[in-house]
Amino acid sequence: MFLVARVTNAQWFQCPLPIISHRLKPKLPSLLYNAKFYRFNKLSYSLDKESDDFLLWLERKAGTHVSSILSIGKSSYGRALYASKVIRTGDCILRVPYKVQLAPDNLPYEIKSLLTDEIGHVAKLAIVVLLEMKLEKHSDWVPYISYFPCLKDMHSTIFWSNDELEMIRQSSLYHETIHQKSLVKNEFLTIKNAIERYEIFESITYKDFMHAYALVSSRAWGSIRGVSLIPFADFLNHDGNVEAFLLNDDEKQLSEVIADRDYCLGEQIHIQFEIPHHDPLRRMKLEIMQRHHVVVKRDVNAFISSVDSFSIKEVRSSSQKGKGLPQSLRAFARVLCCCSPQELNDLAIEAKQTDGRLARRPLRNIEKEIEAHHILVAQTSRLIKEYEASIKSLDAGNSSSSLVRETLGIRRQMAQDLLNGELRVLKSASTWLKSYCTTLITTS
């Protein structure tokens, strides 16, 4: 049996920022990149004395009042917004007119006309940012651009060395980073080939483009213009219990950030199962899952794959009936433990008689139900040991004198927080699964 765990919401480009109360997370409804921030303890922050000047500039440029309940502050890991009063669910915490937002359509026409549809919105907006950076003091956006972190302060995993990436090899973030670096480089080469005749682009390097791309990816909001950088709004940070979302008002030509406190953010683990090739019922299990609309992946040769993926979240307590563990994961385990065609046929018949979903109800045979969940217990236990070993190796490395540099120290902390977050999810799932099996045993 093959099983791996990977985080689904952590992305390669993200730069860590502190988390404090009444801090809100920008939601990217139309982006593929769901941002995940890492938690840090013992954070320090102070109000930014430059924020008043920045807001005055923004309001002059917008020609209207921007916000009265948020202030820009500095923390150990960058700038962020702080609430000056309690924010309620549904409150509009920020209004920013379209005309003070940067988007792909801000590209000069002569450049935009040379770019094909293969170039995504994020890459196009990254070019806009690069152009404004190259203009320096002659840019109309200097007060905004100057707030962006410089390259040396970016801790996105796309900038990590191979040795630093080894710290998170346990997580899928490792593989996602390598994959995304390749995609970004391809986009850069396509863009450079298209617009290299423009003098300003002769001096732009791949590292410059990565910097701008990472800035856009970690800050931009999905909008009617594809994606948009919204000054002030992109300083919003994540809170463990709150999320913010963006509404666009075309009539008023402005964007509103709305607080949604009902959203609960938690790390997610993506677990993959594979039906063993030596299983004599392997083909039958695959076919029955397909018939009942279970997502079955295909490999590069278009053959049906026996691997299926499931996202799990932290289970807060053993009394929450497995909240966080998807029914589809438990159903897969029930199918996996079937030992005869009759058992599989019985599951199929039961599915047709109910809502059509396969093995979503507890097996009538209690011993089989326990066996199915023991499969999950065994695999989560194995993963827990692997994560603990990886975290221990990071802890041991802290004593090395070669690892005292500030940048590596921050990235090591990021790696630890990432793995600890995934480990917490695995432990909560394991605790619930063991409790469930114990309950079945005592009541049978």
Protein backbone atom coordinates (compact mmCIF):
# COMPACT_ATOMS: atom_id res chain seq x y z
CA MET A 1 0.00 0.00 0.00
CA PHE A 2 1.22 3.45 -0.90
CA LEU A 3 0.33 6.54 1.07
CA VAL A 4 1.81 10.00 1.19
CA ALA A 5 0.71 13.20 2.86
CA ARG A 6 1.11 16.65 1.47
CA VAL A 7 -0.13 20.10 2.29
CA THR A 8 -2.69 21.42 -0.18
CA ASN A 9 -2.85 25.09 0.72
CA ALA A 10 0.82 25.88 1.14
CA GLN A 11 2.37 27.44 -1.93
CA TRP A 12 5.95 27.86 -3.05
CA PHE A 13 5.95 31.62 -3.39
CA GLN A 14 4.62 32.76 -0.06
CA CYS A 15 6.50 35.04 2.30
CA PRO A 16 5.69 34.70 6.01
CA LEU A 17 4.03 37.51 7.89
CA PRO A 18 2.94 37.67 11.53
CA ILE A 19 -0.53 36.78 12.73
CA ILE A 20 -2.31 38.94 15.29
CA SER A 21 -5.92 39.37 16.29
CA HIS A 22 -8.21 41.22 13.90
CA ARG A 23 -5.85 40.54 11.01
CA LEU A 24 -7.53 39.45 7.81
CA LYS A 25 -6.56 37.24 4.92
CA PRO A 26 -6.93 38.32 1.29
CA LYS A 27 -8.90 35.75 -0.66
CA LEU A 28 -7.87 35.00 -4.24
CA PRO A 29 -11.09 33.68 -5.81
CA SER A 30 -9.80 33.43 -9.36
CA LEU A 31 -6.18 32.46 -8.75
CA LEU A 32 -4.71 29.01 -8.72
CA TYR A 33 -2.43 30.08 -5.91
CA ASN A 34 -4.10 29.76 -2.52
CA ALA A 35 -1.92 31.58 -0.05
CA LYS A 36 -0.88 29.94 3.20
CA PHE A 37 1.06 31.80 5.84
CA TYR A 38 3.16 30.30 8.61
CA ARG A 39 2.66 31.04 12.28
CA PHE A 40 5.45 32.57 14.31
CA ASN A 41 5.61 33.07 18.05
CA LYS A 42 6.98 36.00 20.07
CA LEU A 43 6.12 38.52 17.37
CA SER A 44 6.83 42.18 17.79
CA TYR A 45 5.26 44.99 15.83
CA SER A 46 4.84 48.76 15.85
CA LEU A 47 2.74 51.24 13.93
CA ASP A 48 4.47 52.53 10.83
CA LYS A 49 5.05 56.28 11.06
CA GLU A 50 5.18 56.39 7.25
CA SER A 51 1.67 54.95 6.94
CA ASP A 52 -0.04 58.34 7.30
CA ASP A 53 1.96 59.71 4.36
CA PHE A 54 1.18 56.63 2.30
CA LEU A 55 -2.55 56.91 2.98
CA LEU A 56 -2.53 60.61 2.13
CA TRP A 57 -0.85 59.81 -1.21
CA LEU A 58 -3.32 57.00 -1.91
CA GLU A 59 -6.34 59.15 -1.10
CA ARG A 60 -5.03 61.98 -3.29
CA LYS A 61 -4.52 59.55 -6.15
CA ALA A 62 -7.94 57.97 -5.57
CA GLY A 63 -9.70 61.26 -5.03
CA THR A 64 -11.66 59.78 -2.13
CA HIS A 65 -11.35 58.50 1.44
CA VAL A 66 -9.84 55.00 1.57
CA SER A 67 -10.12 53.65 5.11
CA SER A 68 -10.56 54.74 8.71
CA ILE A 69 -10.30 51.52 10.73
CA LEU A 70 -6.97 50.08 9.57
CA SER A 71 -3.39 51.18 10.11
CA ILE A 72 -0.13 49.96 8.56
CA GLY A 73 2.30 48.49 11.04
CA LYS A 74 5.75 46.94 10.99
CA SER A 75 6.46 43.51 12.44
CA SER A 76 9.35 41.11 12.60
CA TYR A 77 8.44 39.77 9.16
CA GLY A 78 7.20 42.78 7.21
CA ARG A 79 4.37 45.29 6.98
CA ALA A 80 0.78 44.36 7.71
CA LEU A 81 -2.53 45.97 8.64
CA TYR A 82 -3.83 46.36 12.18
CA ALA A 83 -7.43 46.99 13.16
CA SER A 84 -8.11 50.10 15.19
CA LYS A 85 -11.46 48.75 16.32
CA VAL A 86 -13.36 45.46 16.49
CA ILE A 87 -14.26 44.05 13.07
CA ARG A 88 -17.57 42.19 12.79
CA THR A 89 -18.68 39.60 10.28
CA GLY A 90 -19.83 41.33 7.10
CA ASP A 91 -18.13 44.64 7.92
CA CYS A 92 -16.65 46.55 5.01
CA ILE A 93 -13.16 47.26 6.27
CA LEU A 94 -11.70 48.85 3.16
CA ARG A 95 -12.76 50.58 -0.08
CA VAL A 96 -10.25 51.16 -2.85
CA PRO A 97 -11.20 52.68 -6.26
CA TYR A 98 -10.22 50.84 -9.45
CA LYS A 99 -8.06 53.72 -10.66
CA VAL A 100 -5.52 53.17 -7.88
CA GLN A 101 -5.17 49.44 -8.57
CA LEU A 102 -2.50 47.84 -10.75
CA ALA A 103 -3.63 45.13 -13.16
CA PRO A 104 -2.43 43.45 -16.38
CA ASP A 105 -4.28 46.07 -18.46
CA ASN A 106 -1.87 48.68 -17.06
CA LEU A 107 0.70 47.29 -19.51
CA PRO A 108 1.57 49.68 -22.34
CA TYR A 109 -0.30 48.66 -25.48
CA GLU A 110 2.90 48.13 -27.50
CA ILE A 111 4.04 45.51 -24.97
CA LYS A 112 0.65 43.94 -24.29
CA SER A 113 0.09 43.37 -28.01
CA LEU A 114 3.21 41.21 -28.20
CA LEU A 115 2.16 38.83 -25.42
CA THR A 116 0.20 35.70 -26.25
CA ASP A 117 -2.63 34.15 -24.25
CA GLU A 118 -0.10 31.62 -22.96
CA ILE A 119 1.19 34.31 -20.60
CA GLY A 120 -0.96 34.30 -17.46
CA HIS A 121 -2.40 37.27 -15.57
CA VAL A 122 0.16 36.96 -12.76
CA ALA A 123 3.10 37.08 -15.19
CA LYS A 124 1.63 40.09 -17.01
CA LEU A 125 1.10 41.94 -13.76
CA ALA A 126 4.66 41.05 -12.76
CA ILE A 127 5.83 42.88 -15.91
CA VAL A 128 3.80 45.93 -14.84
CA VAL A 129 5.56 45.86 -11.46
CA LEU A 130 8.97 45.49 -13.13
CA LEU A 131 8.32 48.46 -15.38
CA GLU A 132 7.34 50.67 -12.44
CA MET A 133 10.41 49.50 -10.51
CA LYS A 134 12.68 50.34 -13.44
CA LEU A 135 11.20 53.84 -13.66
CA GLU A 136 12.23 54.36 -10.03
CA LYS A 137 11.54 57.96 -8.90
CA HIS A 138 9.87 58.74 -12.22
CA SER A 139 7.10 56.23 -11.54
CA ASP A 140 3.68 57.51 -10.47
CA TRP A 141 3.53 54.56 -8.06
CA VAL A 142 6.73 55.22 -6.10
CA PRO A 143 5.03 55.52 -2.66
CA TYR A 144 3.38 52.12 -3.24
CA ILE A 145 6.27 50.28 -4.92
CA SER A 146 8.65 51.41 -2.17
CA TYR A 147 6.62 49.37 0.32
CA PHE A 148 7.42 46.10 -1.47
CA PRO A 149 10.05 43.92 0.21
CA CYS A 150 13.35 43.82 -1.64
CA LEU A 151 14.75 40.58 -2.98
CA LYS A 152 16.98 39.85 0.01
CA ASP A 153 13.94 40.03 2.32
CA MET A 154 11.88 37.56 0.31
CA HIS A 155 11.70 34.12 1.93
CA SER A 156 9.49 32.44 -0.64
CA THR A 157 10.62 28.88 -1.22
CA ILE A 158 11.23 29.71 -4.87
CA PHE A 159 14.34 31.55 -3.67
CA TRP A 160 15.56 28.75 -1.43
CA SER A 161 18.76 26.88 -2.22
CA ASN A 162 18.71 23.14 -2.84
CA ASP A 163 20.04 22.55 0.69
CA GLU A 164 17.29 24.72 2.18
CA LEU A 165 14.62 22.92 0.18
CA GLU A 166 15.83 19.63 1.64
CA MET A 167 14.42 20.83 4.97
CA ILE A 168 10.89 20.46 3.60
CA ARG A 169 11.35 17.37 1.42
CA GLN A 170 8.73 15.62 3.60
CA SER A 171 6.10 18.08 2.34
CA SER A 172 4.74 18.33 -1.19
CA LEU A 173 5.76 21.98 -1.01
CA TYR A 174 9.20 20.69 -1.99
CA HIS A 175 7.95 19.24 -5.27
CA GLU A 176 5.59 22.15 -5.91
CA THR A 177 8.50 24.59 -5.58
CA ILE A 178 10.57 22.77 -8.17
CA HIS A 179 7.60 22.54 -10.51
CA GLN A 180 6.65 26.20 -10.13
CA LYS A 181 10.25 27.38 -10.62
CA SER A 182 10.20 25.60 -13.95
CA LEU A 183 6.88 27.18 -14.95
CA VAL A 184 8.03 30.68 -14.00
CA LYS A 185 11.27 30.30 -15.91
CA ASN A 186 9.40 29.20 -19.03
CA GLU A 187 7.09 32.22 -18.77
CA PHE A 188 10.08 34.52 -18.34
CA LEU A 189 11.80 33.13 -21.46
CA THR A 190 8.59 33.48 -23.49
CA ILE A 191 8.13 37.08 -22.32
CA LYS A 192 11.77 38.03 -22.86
CA ASN A 193 11.76 36.63 -26.39
CA ALA A 194 8.63 38.65 -27.16
CA ILE A 195 9.71 42.04 -25.81
CA GLU A 196 13.52 41.90 -25.71
CA ARG A 197 13.75 44.66 -28.35
CA TYR A 198 12.59 47.17 -25.75
CA GLU A 199 15.64 48.72 -24.13
CA ILE A 200 14.21 48.64 -20.63
CA PHE A 201 13.95 44.85 -20.74
CA GLU A 202 17.56 44.27 -21.75
CA SER A 203 18.61 44.72 -18.13
CA ILE A 204 15.83 42.61 -16.57
CA THR A 205 17.09 39.26 -15.32
CA TYR A 206 15.32 36.04 -14.44
CA LYS A 207 15.87 36.82 -10.75
CA ASP A 208 14.21 40.21 -11.25
CA PHE A 209 11.21 38.51 -12.81
CA MET A 210 11.03 35.91 -10.02
CA HIS A 211 11.02 38.72 -7.48
CA ALA A 212 8.15 40.54 -9.21
CA TYR A 213 6.26 37.29 -9.81
CA ALA A 214 6.52 36.34 -6.14
CA LEU A 215 5.35 39.80 -5.07
CA VAL A 216 2.28 39.56 -7.29
CA SER A 217 1.50 35.96 -6.38
CA SER A 218 1.56 36.65 -2.66
CA ARG A 219 -0.34 39.95 -2.79
CA ALA A 220 -2.72 40.06 -5.75
CA TRP A 221 -6.47 39.63 -5.53
CA GLY A 222 -8.69 38.01 -8.12
CA SER A 223 -10.65 40.72 -9.94
CA ILE A 224 -12.64 41.48 -13.07
CA ARG A 225 -9.31 42.59 -14.57
CA GLY A 226 -7.82 39.12 -14.04
CA VAL A 227 -5.77 39.91 -10.95
CA SER A 228 -5.16 43.23 -9.24
CA LEU A 229 -2.65 44.70 -6.84
CA ILE A 230 -4.71 46.85 -4.51
CA PRO A 231 -2.62 49.32 -2.50
CA PHE A 232 -3.27 49.09 1.22
CA ALA A 233 -5.50 46.03 0.80
CA ASP A 234 -2.50 43.85 -0.03
CA PHE A 235 -1.06 44.53 3.42
CA LEU A 236 -3.90 42.45 4.87
CA ASN A 237 -2.54 39.38 6.58
CA HIS A 238 -3.90 36.03 7.69
CA ASP A 239 -5.67 35.31 10.93
CA GLY A 240 -6.28 31.82 12.16
CA ASN A 241 -10.02 32.36 12.54
CA VAL A 242 -10.93 35.02 10.01
CA GLU A 243 -10.87 35.55 6.28
CA ALA A 244 -11.61 38.55 4.12
CA PHE A 245 -13.07 38.52 0.63
CA LEU A 246 -13.23 41.06 -2.14
CA LEU A 247 -16.33 42.53 -3.79
CA ASN A 248 -16.05 44.59 -6.98
CA ASP A 249 -18.62 47.32 -7.63
CA ASP A 250 -18.47 48.19 -11.33
CA GLU A 251 -21.04 50.95 -10.99
CA LYS A 252 -19.04 52.75 -8.30
CA GLN A 253 -15.72 51.61 -9.82
CA LEU A 254 -14.29 50.40 -6.51
CA SER A 255 -13.38 47.25 -4.60
CA GLU A 256 -14.59 46.51 -1.08
CA VAL A 257 -12.91 44.17 1.38
CA ILE A 258 -15.49 42.38 3.53
CA ALA A 259 -14.74 40.50 6.77
CA ASP A 260 -16.03 36.95 6.96
CA ARG A 261 -15.40 35.60 10.46
CA ASP A 262 -17.27 32.36 9.82
CA TYR A 263 -14.37 30.99 7.82
CA CYS A 264 -11.98 28.85 9.84
CA LEU A 265 -8.54 28.33 8.40
CA GLY A 266 -6.58 25.23 9.26
CA GLU A 267 -3.72 23.35 7.70
CA GLN A 268 -4.76 20.64 5.30
CA ILE A 269 -3.09 17.37 4.49
CA HIS A 270 -3.53 15.70 1.15
CA ILE A 271 -3.46 11.94 1.56
CA GLN A 272 -3.05 9.61 -1.37
CA PHE A 273 -3.98 5.94 -1.44
CA GLU A 274 -3.00 3.33 -3.96
CA ILE A 275 -4.65 -0.04 -4.42
CA PRO A 276 -1.74 -2.53 -4.34
CA HIS A 277 -0.89 -4.10 -7.67
CA HIS A 278 -0.82 -7.52 -6.03
CA ASP A 279 -4.43 -7.15 -4.88
CA PRO A 280 -6.38 -9.81 -6.89
CA LEU A 281 -9.46 -7.53 -6.81
CA ARG A 282 -7.57 -4.45 -7.94
CA ARG A 283 -9.24 -4.12 -11.35
CA MET A 284 -12.70 -4.79 -9.93
CA LYS A 285 -12.20 -2.18 -7.21
CA LEU A 286 -11.11 0.41 -9.77
CA GLU A 287 -14.09 -0.35 -12.01
CA ILE A 288 -16.62 -0.18 -9.19
CA MET A 289 -15.24 3.15 -8.01
CA GLN A 290 -15.52 4.54 -11.53
CA ARG A 291 -19.11 3.38 -11.86
CA HIS A 292 -20.01 5.22 -8.68
CA HIS A 293 -18.33 8.46 -9.68
CA VAL A 294 -15.30 8.15 -7.44
CA VAL A 295 -12.57 10.34 -8.92
CA VAL A 296 -10.01 8.04 -10.47
CA LYS A 297 -6.90 9.63 -11.91
CA ARG A 298 -5.17 8.71 -15.14
CA ASP A 299 -1.43 8.58 -15.58
CA VAL A 300 0.58 10.16 -18.40
CA ASN A 301 -0.16 7.22 -20.67
CA ALA A 302 -3.93 7.67 -20.11
CA PHE A 303 -4.16 4.46 -18.11
CA ILE A 304 -6.37 4.41 -15.04
CA SER A 305 -4.35 5.02 -11.91
CA SER A 306 -5.06 3.33 -8.61
CA VAL A 307 -4.06 6.47 -6.69
CA ASP A 308 -6.74 8.67 -5.17
CA SER A 309 -6.31 11.83 -3.12
CA PHE A 310 -8.16 13.15 -0.08
CA SER A 311 -7.81 16.41 1.81
CA ILE A 312 -8.08 16.21 5.58
CA LYS A 313 -8.20 18.99 8.14
CA GLU A 314 -7.48 19.06 11.84
CA VAL A 315 -10.06 17.19 13.90
CA ARG A 316 -10.60 19.40 16.91
CA SER A 317 -11.82 16.66 19.28
CA SER A 318 -12.65 12.97 19.30
CA SER A 319 -16.32 13.83 19.83
CA GLN A 320 -16.77 15.67 16.53
CA LYS A 321 -17.60 12.58 14.50
CA GLY A 322 -14.52 12.82 12.37
CA LYS A 323 -15.10 16.38 11.21
CA GLY A 324 -12.11 17.04 9.00
CA LEU A 325 -11.87 13.47 7.76
CA PRO A 326 -13.75 13.25 4.43
CA GLN A 327 -16.27 10.46 4.04
CA SER A 328 -14.67 9.67 0.70
CA LEU A 329 -11.41 8.76 2.46
CA ARG A 330 -13.16 6.37 4.83
CA ALA A 331 -15.14 4.95 1.91
CA PHE A 332 -11.93 4.28 0.00
CA ALA A 333 -10.56 2.37 3.01
CA ARG A 334 -13.75 0.28 3.15
CA VAL A 335 -13.38 -0.64 -0.51
CA LEU A 336 -9.69 -1.34 0.01
CA CYS A 337 -10.33 -3.92 2.75
CA CYS A 338 -12.82 -5.94 0.69
CA CYS A 339 -11.56 -9.47 0.15
CA SER A 340 -14.17 -10.95 -2.19
CA PRO A 341 -16.25 -9.97 -5.25
CA GLN A 342 -19.37 -10.50 -3.14
CA GLU A 343 -18.31 -7.84 -0.64
CA LEU A 344 -17.74 -5.36 -3.47
CA ASN A 345 -21.07 -6.23 -5.10
CA ASP A 346 -22.85 -5.73 -1.77
CA LEU A 347 -21.36 -2.23 -1.54
CA ALA A 348 -22.49 -1.45 -5.08
CA ILE A 349 -26.04 -2.65 -4.39
CA GLU A 350 -26.23 -0.62 -1.18
CA ALA A 351 -25.03 2.48 -3.06
CA LYS A 352 -27.75 2.10 -5.71
CA GLN A 353 -30.40 1.73 -3.02
CA THR A 354 -29.34 4.93 -1.25
CA ASP A 355 -27.77 8.05 -2.74
CA GLY A 356 -25.46 6.30 -5.20
CA ARG A 357 -22.31 7.00 -3.23
CA LEU A 358 -20.10 4.01 -2.62
CA ALA A 359 -19.28 2.82 0.92
CA ARG A 360 -20.20 6.13 2.58
CA ARG A 361 -21.99 4.33 5.42
CA PRO A 362 -20.36 2.16 8.10
CA LEU A 363 -19.95 -1.46 7.06
CA ARG A 364 -22.53 -3.79 8.59
CA ASN A 365 -19.73 -6.17 9.46
CA ILE A 366 -18.17 -4.43 12.48
CA GLU A 367 -14.90 -6.34 12.14
CA LYS A 368 -14.55 -5.13 8.54
CA GLU A 369 -15.38 -1.57 9.58
CA ILE A 370 -12.63 -1.73 12.21
CA GLU A 371 -10.22 -3.25 9.69
CA ALA A 372 -10.88 -0.44 7.22
CA HIS A 373 -10.15 2.23 9.80
CA HIS A 374 -7.09 0.37 11.08
CA ILE A 375 -5.68 0.86 7.58
CA LEU A 376 -5.96 4.59 8.10
CA VAL A 377 -4.56 4.36 11.62
CA ALA A 378 -1.51 2.41 10.43
CA GLN A 379 -0.70 4.84 7.64
CA THR A 380 -1.21 8.02 9.67
CA SER A 381 0.99 6.52 12.40
CA ARG A 382 3.74 5.82 9.87
CA LEU A 383 3.52 9.37 8.55
CA ILE A 384 3.63 10.81 12.07
CA LYS A 385 6.92 9.00 12.73
CA GLU A 386 8.38 10.31 9.48
CA TYR A 387 7.34 13.88 10.26
CA GLU A 388 8.69 13.69 13.80
CA ALA A 389 12.02 12.45 12.46
CA SER A 390 12.19 15.32 9.96
CA ILE A 391 11.35 17.91 12.63
CA LYS A 392 13.90 16.41 14.99
CA SER A 393 16.59 16.70 12.34
CA LEU A 394 15.74 20.40 11.92
CA ASP A 395 15.93 20.95 15.68
CA ALA A 396 19.30 19.23 15.82
CA GLY A 397 20.58 21.46 13.06
CA ASN A 398 19.92 24.61 15.07
CA SER A 399 23.01 24.02 17.16
CA SER A 400 25.32 24.07 14.17
CA SER A 401 27.41 27.22 13.97
CA SER A 402 27.06 27.19 10.17
CA LEU A 403 23.33 27.82 10.45
CA VAL A 404 23.37 31.07 12.39
CA ARG A 405 22.79 33.31 9.42
CA GLU A 406 19.56 35.27 9.65
CA THR A 407 18.10 34.18 6.31
CA LEU A 408 18.61 30.49 6.90
CA GLY A 409 17.31 30.87 10.45
CA ILE A 410 14.03 32.32 9.15
CA ARG A 411 13.69 29.63 6.51
CA ARG A 412 14.44 26.90 9.01
CA GLN A 413 11.64 28.32 11.18
CA MET A 414 9.33 28.30 8.16
CA ALA A 415 10.18 24.65 7.50
CA GLN A 416 9.54 23.74 11.13
CA ASP A 417 6.20 25.55 11.18
CA LEU A 418 5.13 23.89 7.96
CA LEU A 419 5.97 20.38 9.14
CA ASN A 420 4.55 20.98 12.62
CA GLY A 421 1.27 22.17 11.11
CA GLU A 422 0.97 19.05 8.97
CA LEU A 423 1.99 16.87 11.91
CA ARG A 424 -0.75 18.39 14.06
CA VAL A 425 -3.35 17.47 11.44
CA LEU A 426 -2.05 13.90 11.22
CA LYS A 427 -2.05 13.47 14.99
CA SER A 428 -5.61 14.76 15.30
CA ALA A 429 -6.76 12.37 12.58
CA SER A 430 -4.95 9.46 14.20
CA THR A 431 -6.49 10.23 17.61
CA TRP A 432 -10.00 10.33 16.18
CA LEU A 433 -9.51 7.12 14.18
CA LYS A 434 -8.21 5.23 17.21
CA SER A 435 -11.12 6.50 19.30
CA TYR A 436 -13.58 5.41 16.63
CA CYS A 437 -12.11 1.90 16.46
CA THR A 438 -12.15 1.62 20.25
CA THR A 439 -15.81 2.63 20.33
CA LEU A 440 -16.66 -0.04 17.76
CA ILE A 441 -14.82 -2.70 19.73
CA THR A 442 -16.48 -1.84 23.06
CA THR A 443 -19.99 -1.65 21.60
CA SER A 444 -19.80 -4.81 19.44
